[in-house]
Amino acid sequence: MIGEINQQNLYLILPSKVSWLSDMIAEDKGIGIVDAVKSVYRSEVYRQLEDESTKMWHLGPVALYENMTRGNSQESKNNTF
């Protein structure tokens, strides 16, 4: 079990967050899982998620999905939705 989440061990929880988010995007947008994963990794949400100081790792997949899909117009241009 992880004690305290910090920048050095944050990488341990990111794969599950990316997996949940990618599944939701693929299903909702009707795209393949590979494209959904690429969209997540290219997103501003992921950049914030991988920075422990934002504390976005506290958010569940629904909140992350809402952040990603409601994002600004620049975010939409960067993703293959």
Protein backbone atom coordinates (compact mmCIF):
# COMPACT_ATOMS: atom_id res chain seq x y z
CA MET A 1 0.00 0.00 0.00
CA ILE A 2 1.20 3.48 -0.86
CA GLY A 3 1.56 5.71 2.19
CA GLU A 4 1.70 9.29 0.98
CA ILE A 5 1.26 10.24 -2.66
CA ASN A 6 4.08 12.45 -3.89
CA GLN A 7 5.68 13.26 -7.24
CA GLN A 8 8.06 10.28 -6.92
CA ASN A 9 5.30 7.66 -6.56
CA LEU A 10 2.40 9.29 -8.42
CA TYR A 11 3.25 7.17 -11.48
CA LEU A 12 1.88 4.13 -9.62
CA ILE A 13 -1.73 5.32 -9.80
CA LEU A 14 -1.72 7.03 -13.22
CA PRO A 15 -2.23 3.87 -15.33
CA SER A 16 -5.55 3.07 -13.66
CA LYS A 17 -6.75 6.67 -14.09
CA VAL A 18 -5.76 6.63 -17.78
CA SER A 19 -7.43 3.24 -18.28
CA TRP A 20 -10.75 4.31 -16.76
CA LEU A 21 -10.75 7.61 -18.62
CA SER A 22 -9.82 5.97 -21.94
CA ASP A 23 -12.60 3.40 -21.61
CA MET A 24 -15.14 6.15 -20.96
CA ILE A 25 -13.95 8.21 -23.92
CA ALA A 26 -13.88 5.24 -26.30
CA GLU A 27 -17.41 4.21 -25.35
CA ASP A 28 -18.91 7.70 -25.31
CA LYS A 29 -17.27 8.95 -28.48
CA GLY A 30 -17.35 5.70 -30.43
CA ILE A 31 -13.62 5.63 -31.08
CA GLY A 32 -11.06 2.87 -30.64
CA ILE A 33 -9.30 2.39 -27.35
CA VAL A 34 -5.91 3.25 -28.84
CA ASP A 35 -7.22 6.60 -30.08
CA ALA A 36 -8.85 7.22 -26.72
CA VAL A 37 -5.58 6.50 -24.87
CA LYS A 38 -3.71 8.84 -27.21
CA SER A 39 -6.30 11.54 -26.55
CA VAL A 40 -5.83 11.19 -22.81
CA TYR A 41 -2.03 11.39 -22.99
CA ARG A 42 -2.22 14.47 -25.26
CA SER A 43 -4.70 16.28 -23.04
CA GLU A 44 -4.22 19.14 -20.62
CA VAL A 45 -6.04 17.01 -18.06
CA TYR A 46 -3.24 14.43 -18.22
CA ARG A 47 -0.57 17.12 -17.90
CA GLN A 48 -2.29 18.31 -14.75
CA LEU A 49 -2.87 14.77 -13.52
CA GLU A 50 0.81 13.88 -13.72
CA ASP A 51 1.70 16.94 -11.62
CA GLU A 52 1.13 15.91 -8.00
CA SER A 53 0.82 19.52 -6.84
CA THR A 54 -2.51 19.89 -8.71
CA LYS A 55 -3.99 17.08 -6.59
CA MET A 56 -6.02 15.96 -9.62
CA TRP A 57 -5.13 12.37 -8.74
CA HIS A 58 -7.85 12.70 -6.08
CA LEU A 59 -10.47 12.89 -8.82
CA GLY A 60 -12.32 9.84 -10.04
CA PRO A 61 -12.80 8.89 -13.68
CA VAL A 62 -16.13 10.72 -14.06
CA ALA A 63 -14.71 14.01 -12.79
CA LEU A 64 -11.62 13.62 -14.98
CA TYR A 65 -13.83 12.83 -17.99
CA GLU A 66 -15.96 15.90 -17.32
CA ASN A 67 -12.83 18.04 -17.06
CA MET A 68 -11.55 16.65 -20.32
CA THR A 69 -14.79 16.93 -22.32
CA ARG A 70 -15.93 20.25 -20.92
CA GLY A 71 -12.44 21.70 -21.35
CA ASN A 72 -11.74 24.79 -23.36
CA SER A 73 -11.85 24.94 -27.16
CA GLN A 74 -8.07 24.42 -27.36
CA GLU A 75 -8.46 21.07 -25.58
CA SER A 76 -11.10 20.00 -28.09
CA LYS A 77 -8.83 20.90 -31.00
CA ASN A 78 -6.04 18.73 -29.57
CA ASN A 79 -8.15 15.60 -29.11
CA THR A 80 -9.56 13.23 -31.69
CA PHE A 81 -13.14 13.32 -30.46
